[in-house]
Amino acid sequence: MGMGAPSGGGGGGGRGGRRRGGHRGGAISEINVTPLVDVMLVLLIIFMVAAPMMTVGVPVDLPETQAKALNSETQPITISVKNDGQVFLQETPIPAEEIAAKLEAIATTGYNERIFVRGDATAPYGVIADVMARIQGAGYKNIGLVTQEKKGP
């Protein structure tokens, strides 16, 4: 009975004092990186999932065909024609007369640049044909029409 553990309720003597856990109540000068990495990974996954949904800026009701999707390494130039005949280069509305000049300004590989024409299923055929003729008249030969793959038989 002569040996007993020191009681922790007192001054700074023994092991039961204030300094047992390090700096309590003071500022911690170390950065905990694990929560930061967790948050960044979650944000990365969210942006990876959301990015493909944000690629098409002009809402166009594409016609359905039996053609399969093309593999593309680079982002092509896209010209969209809405159902009211309005023409867009990428996501910017432009007059049909300026198509050739704008294409020459933004093309990176010259006249071999791939150009996709997205025409609404209810757009006037004459407007789409005029747009394609202006592209071809400017010297571009790699022109494609974009459609949706038909679902079902």
N, C-alpha and C. Protein backbone atom coordinates (compact mmCIF):
# COMPACT_ATOMS: atom_id res chain seq x y z
N MET A 1 0.80 -1.18 0.00
CA MET A 1 0.00 0.00 0.00
C MET A 1 0.85 1.25 0.00
N GLY A 2 2.10 1.05 0.07
CA GLY A 2 2.94 2.22 0.09
C GLY A 2 3.16 2.80 -1.30
N MET A 3 2.98 2.02 -2.35
CA MET A 3 3.23 2.52 -3.70
C MET A 3 1.89 2.84 -4.35
N GLY A 4 1.74 3.97 -4.84
CA GLY A 4 0.50 4.34 -5.51
C GLY A 4 0.81 5.16 -6.76
N ALA A 5 -0.11 5.15 -7.66
CA ALA A 5 0.07 5.93 -8.89
C ALA A 5 -0.16 7.40 -8.58
N PRO A 6 0.61 8.25 -9.21
CA PRO A 6 0.39 9.67 -8.95
C PRO A 6 -0.98 10.10 -9.48
N SER A 7 -1.61 10.93 -8.76
CA SER A 7 -2.93 11.39 -9.19
C SER A 7 -2.76 12.45 -10.27
N GLY A 8 -3.67 12.42 -11.25
CA GLY A 8 -3.55 13.33 -12.38
C GLY A 8 -4.19 14.67 -12.12
N GLY A 9 -4.70 14.91 -10.99
CA GLY A 9 -5.41 16.16 -10.78
C GLY A 9 -4.54 17.19 -10.10
N GLY A 10 -3.63 17.71 -10.69
CA GLY A 10 -2.82 18.70 -10.00
C GLY A 10 -1.96 19.44 -10.98
N GLY A 11 -0.87 19.96 -10.50
CA GLY A 11 0.04 20.77 -11.29
C GLY A 11 0.69 19.97 -12.39
N GLY A 12 1.85 20.37 -12.77
CA GLY A 12 2.53 19.77 -13.90
C GLY A 12 3.41 18.62 -13.52
N GLY A 13 3.30 18.05 -12.33
CA GLY A 13 4.19 16.98 -11.91
C GLY A 13 3.80 15.65 -12.49
N GLY A 14 4.74 14.83 -12.87
CA GLY A 14 4.49 13.47 -13.34
C GLY A 14 3.92 13.43 -14.75
N ARG A 15 3.26 12.32 -15.05
CA ARG A 15 2.71 12.14 -16.39
C ARG A 15 1.33 12.73 -16.58
N GLY A 16 0.68 13.07 -15.56
CA GLY A 16 -0.70 13.54 -15.68
C GLY A 16 -0.81 15.03 -15.92
N GLY A 17 0.25 15.69 -16.32
CA GLY A 17 0.25 17.13 -16.48
C GLY A 17 -0.38 17.58 -17.80
N ARG A 18 -0.19 18.81 -18.13
CA ARG A 18 -0.81 19.43 -19.30
C ARG A 18 -0.14 19.04 -20.61
N ARG A 19 1.09 18.69 -20.65
CA ARG A 19 1.83 18.53 -21.88
C ARG A 19 1.76 17.12 -22.45
N ARG A 20 0.86 16.30 -22.03
CA ARG A 20 0.85 14.92 -22.45
C ARG A 20 0.56 14.77 -23.94
N GLY A 21 -0.40 15.45 -24.54
CA GLY A 21 -0.78 15.26 -25.93
C GLY A 21 -0.11 16.23 -26.88
N GLY A 22 0.90 16.88 -26.50
CA GLY A 22 1.52 17.84 -27.39
C GLY A 22 0.94 19.21 -27.13
N HIS A 23 0.72 19.98 -28.18
CA HIS A 23 0.21 21.34 -28.05
C HIS A 23 -1.31 21.31 -28.03
N ARG A 24 -1.90 21.37 -26.89
CA ARG A 24 -3.36 21.41 -26.81
C ARG A 24 -3.82 22.84 -26.77
N GLY A 25 -4.76 23.17 -27.62
CA GLY A 25 -5.32 24.50 -27.61
C GLY A 25 -4.51 25.50 -28.42
N GLY A 26 -3.30 25.16 -28.81
CA GLY A 26 -2.48 26.06 -29.60
C GLY A 26 -2.68 25.81 -31.09
N ALA A 27 -2.10 26.65 -31.92
CA ALA A 27 -2.22 26.51 -33.38
C ALA A 27 -1.34 25.35 -33.86
N ILE A 28 -1.88 24.53 -34.75
CA ILE A 28 -1.13 23.42 -35.32
C ILE A 28 -0.47 23.93 -36.60
N SER A 29 0.81 23.77 -36.71
CA SER A 29 1.52 24.31 -37.87
C SER A 29 1.69 23.30 -38.99
N GLU A 30 1.06 22.14 -38.89
CA GLU A 30 1.16 21.11 -39.92
C GLU A 30 -0.14 21.05 -40.72
N ILE A 31 -0.02 20.80 -42.03
CA ILE A 31 -1.20 20.68 -42.88
C ILE A 31 -1.53 19.21 -43.02
N ASN A 32 -2.79 18.88 -42.79
CA ASN A 32 -3.24 17.50 -42.97
C ASN A 32 -3.65 17.35 -44.44
N VAL A 33 -2.88 16.61 -45.22
CA VAL A 33 -3.05 16.54 -46.67
C VAL A 33 -4.13 15.54 -47.07
N THR A 34 -4.42 14.56 -46.26
CA THR A 34 -5.36 13.51 -46.64
C THR A 34 -6.75 14.05 -46.98
N PRO A 35 -7.37 14.91 -46.18
CA PRO A 35 -8.68 15.43 -46.59
C PRO A 35 -8.60 16.27 -47.86
N LEU A 36 -7.51 16.99 -48.05
CA LEU A 36 -7.34 17.79 -49.25
C LEU A 36 -7.30 16.89 -50.49
N VAL A 37 -6.57 15.80 -50.43
CA VAL A 37 -6.49 14.86 -51.55
C VAL A 37 -7.85 14.21 -51.79
N ASP A 38 -8.57 13.87 -50.74
CA ASP A 38 -9.90 13.27 -50.89
C ASP A 38 -10.85 14.22 -51.61
N VAL A 39 -10.86 15.47 -51.22
CA VAL A 39 -11.74 16.45 -51.85
C VAL A 39 -11.35 16.65 -53.31
N MET A 40 -10.06 16.73 -53.60
CA MET A 40 -9.61 16.92 -54.98
C MET A 40 -9.98 15.73 -55.86
N LEU A 41 -9.87 14.52 -55.34
CA LEU A 41 -10.24 13.35 -56.13
C LEU A 41 -11.74 13.33 -56.42
N VAL A 42 -12.55 13.71 -55.45
CA VAL A 42 -14.00 13.77 -55.67
C VAL A 42 -14.33 14.82 -56.73
N LEU A 43 -13.69 15.99 -56.65
CA LEU A 43 -13.92 17.03 -57.66
C LEU A 43 -13.46 16.59 -59.04
N LEU A 44 -12.34 15.89 -59.10
CA LEU A 44 -11.84 15.38 -60.38
C LEU A 44 -12.85 14.42 -61.01
N ILE A 45 -13.40 13.53 -60.22
CA ILE A 45 -14.38 12.56 -60.72
C ILE A 45 -15.64 13.29 -61.20
N ILE A 46 -16.08 14.28 -60.45
CA ILE A 46 -17.28 15.04 -60.85
C ILE A 46 -17.05 15.73 -62.19
N PHE A 47 -15.89 16.37 -62.36
CA PHE A 47 -15.62 17.06 -63.62
C PHE A 47 -15.41 16.08 -64.77
N MET A 48 -14.85 14.90 -64.50
CA MET A 48 -14.68 13.91 -65.56
C MET A 48 -16.03 13.40 -66.04
N VAL A 49 -16.98 13.27 -65.14
CA VAL A 49 -18.31 12.79 -65.53
C VAL A 49 -19.09 13.91 -66.21
N ALA A 50 -18.94 15.14 -65.73
CA ALA A 50 -19.74 16.25 -66.25
C ALA A 50 -19.19 16.83 -67.55
N ALA A 51 -17.90 16.71 -67.81
CA ALA A 51 -17.30 17.34 -68.99
C ALA A 51 -17.89 16.86 -70.31
N PRO A 52 -18.11 15.56 -70.53
CA PRO A 52 -18.70 15.16 -71.82
C PRO A 52 -20.12 15.70 -72.02
N MET A 53 -20.82 15.99 -70.94
CA MET A 53 -22.18 16.50 -71.07
C MET A 53 -22.20 17.96 -71.48
N MET A 54 -21.07 18.66 -71.34
CA MET A 54 -21.03 20.08 -71.64
C MET A 54 -20.41 20.39 -72.99
N THR A 55 -20.17 19.39 -73.83
CA THR A 55 -19.46 19.64 -75.08
C THR A 55 -20.34 20.25 -76.16
N VAL A 56 -21.61 19.94 -76.19
CA VAL A 56 -22.50 20.46 -77.22
C VAL A 56 -23.20 21.69 -76.67
N GLY A 57 -22.97 22.83 -77.32
CA GLY A 57 -23.52 24.07 -76.80
C GLY A 57 -24.81 24.49 -77.48
N VAL A 58 -25.05 24.07 -78.72
CA VAL A 58 -26.24 24.48 -79.45
C VAL A 58 -27.20 23.29 -79.48
N PRO A 59 -28.40 23.43 -78.91
CA PRO A 59 -29.34 22.32 -78.92
C PRO A 59 -29.93 22.11 -80.31
N VAL A 60 -29.62 20.95 -80.90
CA VAL A 60 -30.10 20.62 -82.24
C VAL A 60 -30.70 19.22 -82.18
N ASP A 61 -31.88 19.05 -82.75
CA ASP A 61 -32.53 17.74 -82.81
C ASP A 61 -32.01 17.03 -84.06
N LEU A 62 -30.99 16.17 -83.89
CA LEU A 62 -30.34 15.52 -85.01
C LEU A 62 -31.21 14.41 -85.58
N PRO A 63 -31.16 14.19 -86.90
CA PRO A 63 -31.89 13.07 -87.49
C PRO A 63 -31.21 11.75 -87.12
N GLU A 64 -31.99 10.68 -87.12
CA GLU A 64 -31.45 9.37 -86.75
C GLU A 64 -31.14 8.58 -88.01
N THR A 65 -29.98 7.88 -88.01
CA THR A 65 -29.56 7.03 -89.11
C THR A 65 -28.98 5.74 -88.57
N GLN A 66 -28.61 4.83 -89.46
CA GLN A 66 -28.02 3.55 -89.07
C GLN A 66 -26.50 3.64 -88.98
N ALA A 67 -25.90 4.79 -89.25
CA ALA A 67 -24.44 4.94 -89.25
C ALA A 67 -23.90 4.85 -87.82
N LYS A 68 -22.70 4.30 -87.70
CA LYS A 68 -22.03 4.17 -86.40
C LYS A 68 -21.20 5.42 -86.12
N ALA A 69 -20.84 5.62 -84.86
CA ALA A 69 -20.04 6.78 -84.46
C ALA A 69 -18.61 6.65 -84.97
N LEU A 70 -17.99 7.81 -85.29
CA LEU A 70 -16.61 7.84 -85.76
C LEU A 70 -15.67 8.06 -84.58
N ASN A 71 -14.48 7.45 -84.66
CA ASN A 71 -13.45 7.72 -83.66
C ASN A 71 -12.72 8.99 -84.06
N SER A 72 -12.50 9.87 -83.10
CA SER A 72 -11.85 11.14 -83.39
C SER A 72 -10.79 11.44 -82.35
N GLU A 73 -9.56 11.77 -82.82
CA GLU A 73 -8.48 12.09 -81.90
C GLU A 73 -8.50 13.57 -81.54
N THR A 74 -8.89 14.41 -82.47
CA THR A 74 -8.89 15.85 -82.24
C THR A 74 -10.32 16.37 -82.26
N GLN A 75 -10.49 17.54 -81.67
CA GLN A 75 -11.80 18.17 -81.65
C GLN A 75 -12.08 18.80 -83.01
N PRO A 76 -13.10 18.35 -83.73
CA PRO A 76 -13.37 18.91 -85.06
C PRO A 76 -14.08 20.26 -84.95
N ILE A 77 -14.08 20.98 -86.06
CA ILE A 77 -14.85 22.21 -86.15
C ILE A 77 -16.30 21.82 -86.42
N THR A 78 -17.23 22.41 -85.68
CA THR A 78 -18.63 22.05 -85.81
C THR A 78 -19.44 23.27 -86.24
N ILE A 79 -20.24 23.08 -87.28
CA ILE A 79 -21.18 24.11 -87.72
C ILE A 79 -22.58 23.54 -87.53
N SER A 80 -23.41 24.26 -86.77
CA SER A 80 -24.76 23.79 -86.46
C SER A 80 -25.79 24.66 -87.15
N VAL A 81 -26.86 24.02 -87.62
CA VAL A 81 -27.98 24.73 -88.24
C VAL A 81 -29.22 24.36 -87.44
N LYS A 82 -29.83 25.36 -86.80
CA LYS A 82 -31.04 25.11 -86.00
C LYS A 82 -32.26 25.03 -86.91
N ASN A 83 -33.39 24.64 -86.32
CA ASN A 83 -34.60 24.43 -87.11
C ASN A 83 -35.15 25.73 -87.70
N ASP A 84 -34.77 26.89 -87.15
CA ASP A 84 -35.22 28.16 -87.72
C ASP A 84 -34.24 28.70 -88.77
N GLY A 85 -33.17 27.95 -89.10
CA GLY A 85 -32.22 28.35 -90.11
C GLY A 85 -31.03 29.13 -89.58
N GLN A 86 -30.97 29.35 -88.28
CA GLN A 86 -29.85 30.08 -87.69
C GLN A 86 -28.60 29.20 -87.70
N VAL A 87 -27.43 29.78 -88.08
CA VAL A 87 -26.19 29.05 -88.24
C VAL A 87 -25.24 29.40 -87.10
N PHE A 88 -24.57 28.38 -86.54
CA PHE A 88 -23.62 28.55 -85.45
C PHE A 88 -22.28 27.93 -85.87
N LEU A 89 -21.19 28.63 -85.59
CA LEU A 89 -19.84 28.08 -85.74
C LEU A 89 -19.37 27.78 -84.33
N GLN A 90 -19.17 26.48 -84.04
CA GLN A 90 -18.97 25.98 -82.68
C GLN A 90 -20.22 26.40 -81.89
N GLU A 91 -20.14 27.39 -81.00
CA GLU A 91 -21.30 27.82 -80.23
C GLU A 91 -21.66 29.28 -80.49
N THR A 92 -21.02 29.89 -81.50
CA THR A 92 -21.22 31.31 -81.79
C THR A 92 -22.10 31.47 -83.02
N PRO A 93 -23.19 32.22 -82.90
CA PRO A 93 -24.03 32.45 -84.09
C PRO A 93 -23.30 33.36 -85.10
N ILE A 94 -23.37 32.97 -86.37
CA ILE A 94 -22.73 33.76 -87.44
C ILE A 94 -23.65 33.79 -88.66
N PRO A 95 -23.52 34.83 -89.48
CA PRO A 95 -24.26 34.84 -90.75
C PRO A 95 -23.63 33.82 -91.71
N ALA A 96 -24.43 33.23 -92.58
CA ALA A 96 -23.94 32.21 -93.50
C ALA A 96 -22.87 32.76 -94.44
N GLU A 97 -22.92 34.05 -94.73
CA GLU A 97 -21.95 34.65 -95.65
C GLU A 97 -20.53 34.66 -95.07
N GLU A 98 -20.39 34.61 -93.75
CA GLU A 98 -19.08 34.71 -93.10
C GLU A 98 -18.45 33.35 -92.79
N ILE A 99 -19.09 32.26 -93.19
CA ILE A 99 -18.60 30.93 -92.83
C ILE A 99 -17.19 30.69 -93.36
N ALA A 100 -16.95 30.97 -94.64
CA ALA A 100 -15.65 30.69 -95.25
C ALA A 100 -14.54 31.48 -94.56
N ALA A 101 -14.77 32.76 -94.32
CA ALA A 101 -13.74 33.61 -93.70
C ALA A 101 -13.44 33.15 -92.27
N LYS A 102 -14.47 32.81 -91.52
CA LYS A 102 -14.26 32.36 -90.13
C LYS A 102 -13.53 31.02 -90.09
N LEU A 103 -13.87 30.12 -91.01
CA LEU A 103 -13.20 28.81 -91.04
C LEU A 103 -11.72 28.97 -91.35
N GLU A 104 -11.38 29.85 -92.27
CA GLU A 104 -9.97 30.08 -92.59
C GLU A 104 -9.22 30.64 -91.39
N ALA A 105 -9.92 31.42 -90.56
CA ALA A 105 -9.27 32.05 -89.40
C ALA A 105 -9.02 31.04 -88.28
N ILE A 106 -9.89 30.05 -88.11
CA ILE A 106 -9.73 29.14 -86.97
C ILE A 106 -9.16 27.78 -87.34
N ALA A 107 -9.04 27.45 -88.60
CA ALA A 107 -8.52 26.14 -89.00
C ALA A 107 -7.04 26.03 -88.62
N THR A 108 -6.67 24.90 -88.01
CA THR A 108 -5.28 24.72 -87.57
C THR A 108 -4.47 23.91 -88.56
N THR A 109 -5.11 23.05 -89.35
CA THR A 109 -4.37 22.21 -90.31
C THR A 109 -4.70 22.56 -91.75
N GLY A 110 -5.12 23.78 -91.98
CA GLY A 110 -5.41 24.21 -93.34
C GLY A 110 -6.71 23.62 -93.87
N TYR A 111 -6.71 23.32 -95.17
CA TYR A 111 -7.93 22.82 -95.81
C TYR A 111 -8.21 21.35 -95.53
N ASN A 112 -7.32 20.69 -94.79
CA ASN A 112 -7.55 19.29 -94.40
C ASN A 112 -8.29 19.18 -93.08
N GLU A 113 -8.68 20.30 -92.51
CA GLU A 113 -9.38 20.30 -91.23
C GLU A 113 -10.72 19.56 -91.36
N ARG A 114 -11.05 18.78 -90.35
CA ARG A 114 -12.33 18.06 -90.34
C ARG A 114 -13.43 19.01 -89.88
N ILE A 115 -14.51 19.12 -90.66
CA ILE A 115 -15.62 20.01 -90.34
C ILE A 115 -16.90 19.18 -90.29
N PHE A 116 -17.61 19.27 -89.18
CA PHE A 116 -18.87 18.55 -89.02
C PHE A 116 -20.02 19.55 -89.13
N VAL A 117 -21.04 19.17 -89.91
CA VAL A 117 -22.25 19.98 -90.03
C VAL A 117 -23.35 19.26 -89.27
N ARG A 118 -23.90 19.94 -88.27
CA ARG A 118 -25.00 19.39 -87.46
C ARG A 118 -26.27 20.13 -87.85
N GLY A 119 -27.13 19.48 -88.61
CA GLY A 119 -28.37 20.11 -89.04
C GLY A 119 -29.54 19.53 -88.28
N ASP A 120 -30.41 20.39 -87.77
CA ASP A 120 -31.61 19.94 -87.08
C ASP A 120 -32.46 19.14 -88.06
N ALA A 121 -33.16 18.13 -87.56
CA ALA A 121 -33.97 17.26 -88.42
C ALA A 121 -35.06 18.05 -89.13
N THR A 122 -35.51 19.15 -88.53
CA THR A 122 -36.58 19.95 -89.15
C THR A 122 -36.05 21.23 -89.79
N ALA A 123 -34.72 21.38 -89.87
CA ALA A 123 -34.13 22.56 -90.50
C ALA A 123 -34.38 22.52 -92.01
N PRO A 124 -34.49 23.69 -92.63
CA PRO A 124 -34.69 23.72 -94.08
C PRO A 124 -33.49 23.10 -94.81
N TYR A 125 -33.78 22.22 -95.74
CA TYR A 125 -32.72 21.54 -96.49
C TYR A 125 -31.86 22.53 -97.26
N GLY A 126 -32.47 23.58 -97.74
CA GLY A 126 -31.74 24.58 -98.52
C GLY A 126 -30.67 25.29 -97.70
N VAL A 127 -30.95 25.55 -96.42
CA VAL A 127 -29.97 26.22 -95.56
C VAL A 127 -28.77 25.30 -95.32
N ILE A 128 -29.04 24.02 -95.05
CA ILE A 128 -27.95 23.07 -94.81
C ILE A 128 -27.12 22.89 -96.08
N ALA A 129 -27.78 22.79 -97.23
CA ALA A 129 -27.06 22.66 -98.50
C ALA A 129 -26.23 23.91 -98.79
N ASP A 130 -26.76 25.09 -98.47
CA ASP A 130 -26.02 26.34 -98.67
C ASP A 130 -24.79 26.39 -97.78
N VAL A 131 -24.93 25.98 -96.53
CA VAL A 131 -23.79 25.96 -95.60
C VAL A 131 -22.71 25.02 -96.11
N MET A 132 -23.11 23.83 -96.54
CA MET A 132 -22.13 22.86 -97.04
C MET A 132 -21.46 23.37 -98.33
N ALA A 133 -22.21 24.03 -99.19
CA ALA A 133 -21.63 24.58 -100.42
C ALA A 133 -20.63 25.69 -100.10
N ARG A 134 -20.92 26.51 -99.11
CA ARG A 134 -19.99 27.57 -98.72
C ARG A 134 -18.71 26.99 -98.13
N ILE A 135 -18.83 25.92 -97.35
CA ILE A 135 -17.64 25.27 -96.78
C ILE A 135 -16.79 24.68 -97.90
N GLN A 136 -17.44 23.98 -98.82
CA GLN A 136 -16.72 23.36 -99.93
C GLN A 136 -16.15 24.43 -100.86
N GLY A 137 -16.86 25.51 -101.07
CA GLY A 137 -16.38 26.60 -101.90
C GLY A 137 -15.15 27.29 -101.32
N ALA A 138 -15.01 27.23 -100.00
CA ALA A 138 -13.84 27.82 -99.35
C ALA A 138 -12.61 26.92 -99.48
N GLY A 139 -12.79 25.68 -100.01
CA GLY A 139 -11.65 24.80 -100.24
C GLY A 139 -11.56 23.61 -99.30
N TYR A 140 -12.48 23.47 -98.37
CA TYR A 140 -12.45 22.35 -97.43
C TYR A 140 -13.10 21.13 -98.06
N LYS A 141 -12.44 19.98 -97.93
CA LYS A 141 -12.93 18.75 -98.54
C LYS A 141 -13.41 17.72 -97.52
N ASN A 142 -12.98 17.86 -96.26
CA ASN A 142 -13.29 16.87 -95.22
C ASN A 142 -14.52 17.33 -94.43
N ILE A 143 -15.70 17.19 -95.05
CA ILE A 143 -16.96 17.66 -94.46
C ILE A 143 -17.81 16.44 -94.11
N GLY A 144 -18.38 16.44 -92.94
CA GLY A 144 -19.24 15.33 -92.53
C GLY A 144 -20.53 15.82 -91.92
N LEU A 145 -21.60 15.05 -92.12
CA LEU A 145 -22.89 15.35 -91.51
C LEU A 145 -23.01 14.54 -90.22
N VAL A 146 -23.48 15.18 -89.17
CA VAL A 146 -23.63 14.53 -87.87
C VAL A 146 -25.08 14.09 -87.73
N THR A 147 -25.27 12.83 -87.35
CA THR A 147 -26.60 12.30 -87.08
C THR A 147 -26.57 11.53 -85.78
N GLN A 148 -27.74 11.16 -85.29
CA GLN A 148 -27.83 10.29 -84.11
C GLN A 148 -28.05 8.87 -84.58
N GLU A 149 -27.48 7.94 -83.83
CA GLU A 149 -27.66 6.53 -84.16
C GLU A 149 -29.09 6.11 -83.84
N LYS A 150 -29.74 5.44 -84.78
CA LYS A 150 -31.12 5.02 -84.61
C LYS A 150 -31.19 3.93 -83.57
N LYS A 151 -32.12 4.07 -82.63
CA LYS A 151 -32.29 3.08 -81.58
C LYS A 151 -33.43 2.14 -81.97
N GLY A 152 -33.18 0.88 -81.84
CA GLY A 152 -34.21 -0.08 -82.17
C GLY A 152 -34.18 -0.50 -83.64
N PRO A 153 -35.10 -1.37 -84.05
CA PRO A 153 -35.11 -1.87 -85.43
C PRO A 153 -35.63 -0.89 -86.42
